[in-house]
């Protein structure tokens, strides 16, 4: 299941984080990072998914 979440996180980083943590602070941080640059959003999303 984590592999599927990581694939989703690569395509749509906020969605991958949302599936992992819901509407927590990490989700909003990921939206901000994705808006600032797509790559930071991906890195953060994969980190959140791999950490939990």
N, C-alpha and C. Protein backbone atom coordinates (compact mmCIF):
# COMPACT_ATOMS: atom_id res chain seq x y z
N UNK A 1 0.82 -1.19 0.00
CA UNK A 1 0.00 0.00 0.00
C UNK A 1 0.86 1.26 0.00
N UNK A 2 2.01 1.21 0.68
CA UNK A 2 2.88 2.38 0.69
C UNK A 2 3.43 2.68 -0.70
N UNK A 3 3.67 1.66 -1.50
CA UNK A 3 4.16 1.87 -2.85
C UNK A 3 3.14 2.65 -3.67
N UNK A 4 1.88 2.31 -3.52
CA UNK A 4 0.82 3.04 -4.23
C UNK A 4 0.76 4.49 -3.76
N UNK A 5 0.89 4.72 -2.46
CA UNK A 5 0.89 6.09 -1.94
C UNK A 5 2.08 6.88 -2.45
N UNK A 6 3.23 6.24 -2.57
CA UNK A 6 4.41 6.93 -3.09
C UNK A 6 4.21 7.29 -4.56
N UNK A 7 3.62 6.41 -5.32
CA UNK A 7 3.33 6.74 -6.73
C UNK A 7 2.35 7.90 -6.84
N UNK A 8 1.34 7.90 -5.99
CA UNK A 8 0.39 9.02 -5.97
C UNK A 8 1.10 10.29 -5.55
N UNK A 9 2.02 10.18 -4.58
CA UNK A 9 2.76 11.36 -4.10
C UNK A 9 3.65 11.95 -5.18
N UNK A 10 4.14 11.13 -6.09
CA UNK A 10 4.96 11.65 -7.18
C UNK A 10 4.09 12.40 -8.18
N UNK A 11 2.90 11.91 -8.42
CA UNK A 11 2.00 12.57 -9.38
C UNK A 11 1.31 13.78 -8.76
N UNK A 12 0.76 13.63 -7.57
CA UNK A 12 0.04 14.69 -6.86
C UNK A 12 0.46 14.67 -5.39
N UNK A 13 1.52 15.39 -5.05
CA UNK A 13 2.07 15.31 -3.69
C UNK A 13 1.05 15.59 -2.58
N UNK A 14 0.20 16.62 -2.67
CA UNK A 14 -0.75 16.84 -1.57
C UNK A 14 -1.73 15.67 -1.37
N UNK A 15 -2.10 15.02 -2.44
CA UNK A 15 -3.02 13.89 -2.32
C UNK A 15 -2.34 12.72 -1.59
N UNK A 16 -1.08 12.47 -1.88
CA UNK A 16 -0.36 11.41 -1.18
C UNK A 16 -0.26 11.68 0.30
N UNK A 17 0.01 12.94 0.67
CA UNK A 17 0.10 13.30 2.09
C UNK A 17 -1.28 13.22 2.73
N UNK A 18 -2.30 13.67 2.02
CA UNK A 18 -3.66 13.61 2.56
C UNK A 18 -4.07 12.17 2.86
N UNK A 19 -3.75 11.24 1.98
CA UNK A 19 -4.09 9.84 2.22
C UNK A 19 -3.36 9.28 3.43
N UNK A 20 -2.21 9.85 3.76
CA UNK A 20 -1.43 9.36 4.90
C UNK A 20 -1.86 10.01 6.22
N UNK A 21 -2.04 11.34 6.24
CA UNK A 21 -2.26 12.04 7.51
C UNK A 21 -3.58 12.79 7.59
N UNK A 22 -4.32 12.91 6.51
CA UNK A 22 -5.56 13.68 6.54
C UNK A 22 -5.27 15.17 6.47
N UNK A 23 -6.12 15.97 7.11
CA UNK A 23 -5.97 17.43 7.06
C UNK A 23 -5.07 17.95 8.17
N UNK A 24 -4.01 17.26 8.46
CA UNK A 24 -3.06 17.68 9.50
C UNK A 24 -2.15 18.78 8.95
N UNK A 25 -1.27 19.27 9.80
CA UNK A 25 -0.37 20.34 9.40
C UNK A 25 0.55 19.95 8.26
N UNK A 26 0.93 18.67 8.18
CA UNK A 26 1.81 18.21 7.10
C UNK A 26 1.13 18.36 5.75
N UNK A 27 -0.17 18.21 5.70
CA UNK A 27 -0.91 18.38 4.44
C UNK A 27 -0.81 19.82 3.95
N UNK A 28 -1.04 20.76 4.84
CA UNK A 28 -1.00 22.18 4.46
C UNK A 28 0.42 22.61 4.11
N UNK A 29 1.40 22.08 4.83
CA UNK A 29 2.78 22.37 4.50
C UNK A 29 3.13 21.84 3.12
N UNK A 30 2.61 20.68 2.79
CA UNK A 30 2.89 20.10 1.49
C UNK A 30 2.24 20.91 0.37
N UNK A 31 1.07 21.43 0.59
CA UNK A 31 0.45 22.29 -0.42
C UNK A 31 1.31 23.52 -0.66
N UNK A 32 1.80 24.12 0.42
CA UNK A 32 2.67 25.28 0.29
C UNK A 32 3.95 24.94 -0.46
N UNK A 33 4.58 23.83 -0.09
CA UNK A 33 5.81 23.43 -0.77
C UNK A 33 5.57 23.11 -2.25
N UNK A 34 4.44 22.51 -2.56
CA UNK A 34 4.13 22.18 -3.94
C UNK A 34 3.89 23.45 -4.75
N UNK A 35 3.27 24.45 -4.14
CA UNK A 35 3.06 25.72 -4.84
C UNK A 35 4.38 26.46 -5.06
N UNK A 36 5.30 26.34 -4.13
CA UNK A 36 6.60 27.00 -4.27
C UNK A 36 7.50 26.29 -5.27
N UNK A 37 7.30 25.01 -5.42
CA UNK A 37 8.09 24.23 -6.37
C UNK A 37 7.63 22.78 -6.31
N UNK A 38 7.46 22.18 -7.44
CA UNK A 38 6.91 20.83 -7.49
C UNK A 38 7.84 19.82 -6.81
N UNK A 39 9.14 19.96 -7.00
CA UNK A 39 10.09 19.01 -6.42
C UNK A 39 10.10 19.02 -4.89
N UNK A 40 10.09 20.19 -4.23
CA UNK A 40 10.02 20.15 -2.76
C UNK A 40 8.75 19.47 -2.25
N UNK A 41 7.65 19.63 -2.96
CA UNK A 41 6.41 18.96 -2.58
C UNK A 41 6.53 17.45 -2.67
N UNK A 42 7.18 16.98 -3.72
CA UNK A 42 7.38 15.53 -3.88
C UNK A 42 8.28 14.98 -2.78
N UNK A 43 9.38 15.67 -2.51
CA UNK A 43 10.32 15.21 -1.49
C UNK A 43 9.63 15.14 -0.13
N UNK A 44 8.88 16.17 0.21
CA UNK A 44 8.17 16.19 1.49
C UNK A 44 7.13 15.07 1.55
N UNK A 45 6.39 14.87 0.49
CA UNK A 45 5.35 13.83 0.47
C UNK A 45 5.96 12.44 0.65
N UNK A 46 7.03 12.16 -0.06
CA UNK A 46 7.67 10.84 0.07
C UNK A 46 8.24 10.67 1.48
N UNK A 47 8.79 11.74 2.05
CA UNK A 47 9.31 11.68 3.41
C UNK A 47 8.19 11.37 4.41
N UNK A 48 7.06 12.03 4.28
CA UNK A 48 5.93 11.81 5.19
C UNK A 48 5.42 10.37 5.07
N UNK A 49 5.33 9.87 3.85
CA UNK A 49 4.81 8.51 3.65
C UNK A 49 5.81 7.47 4.17
N UNK A 50 7.09 7.67 3.91
CA UNK A 50 8.10 6.70 4.33
C UNK A 50 8.30 6.72 5.85
N UNK A 51 8.09 7.88 6.48
CA UNK A 51 8.31 7.99 7.91
C UNK A 51 7.24 7.26 8.71
N UNK A 52 6.03 7.19 8.23
CA UNK A 52 4.93 6.60 9.01
C UNK A 52 4.70 5.17 8.63
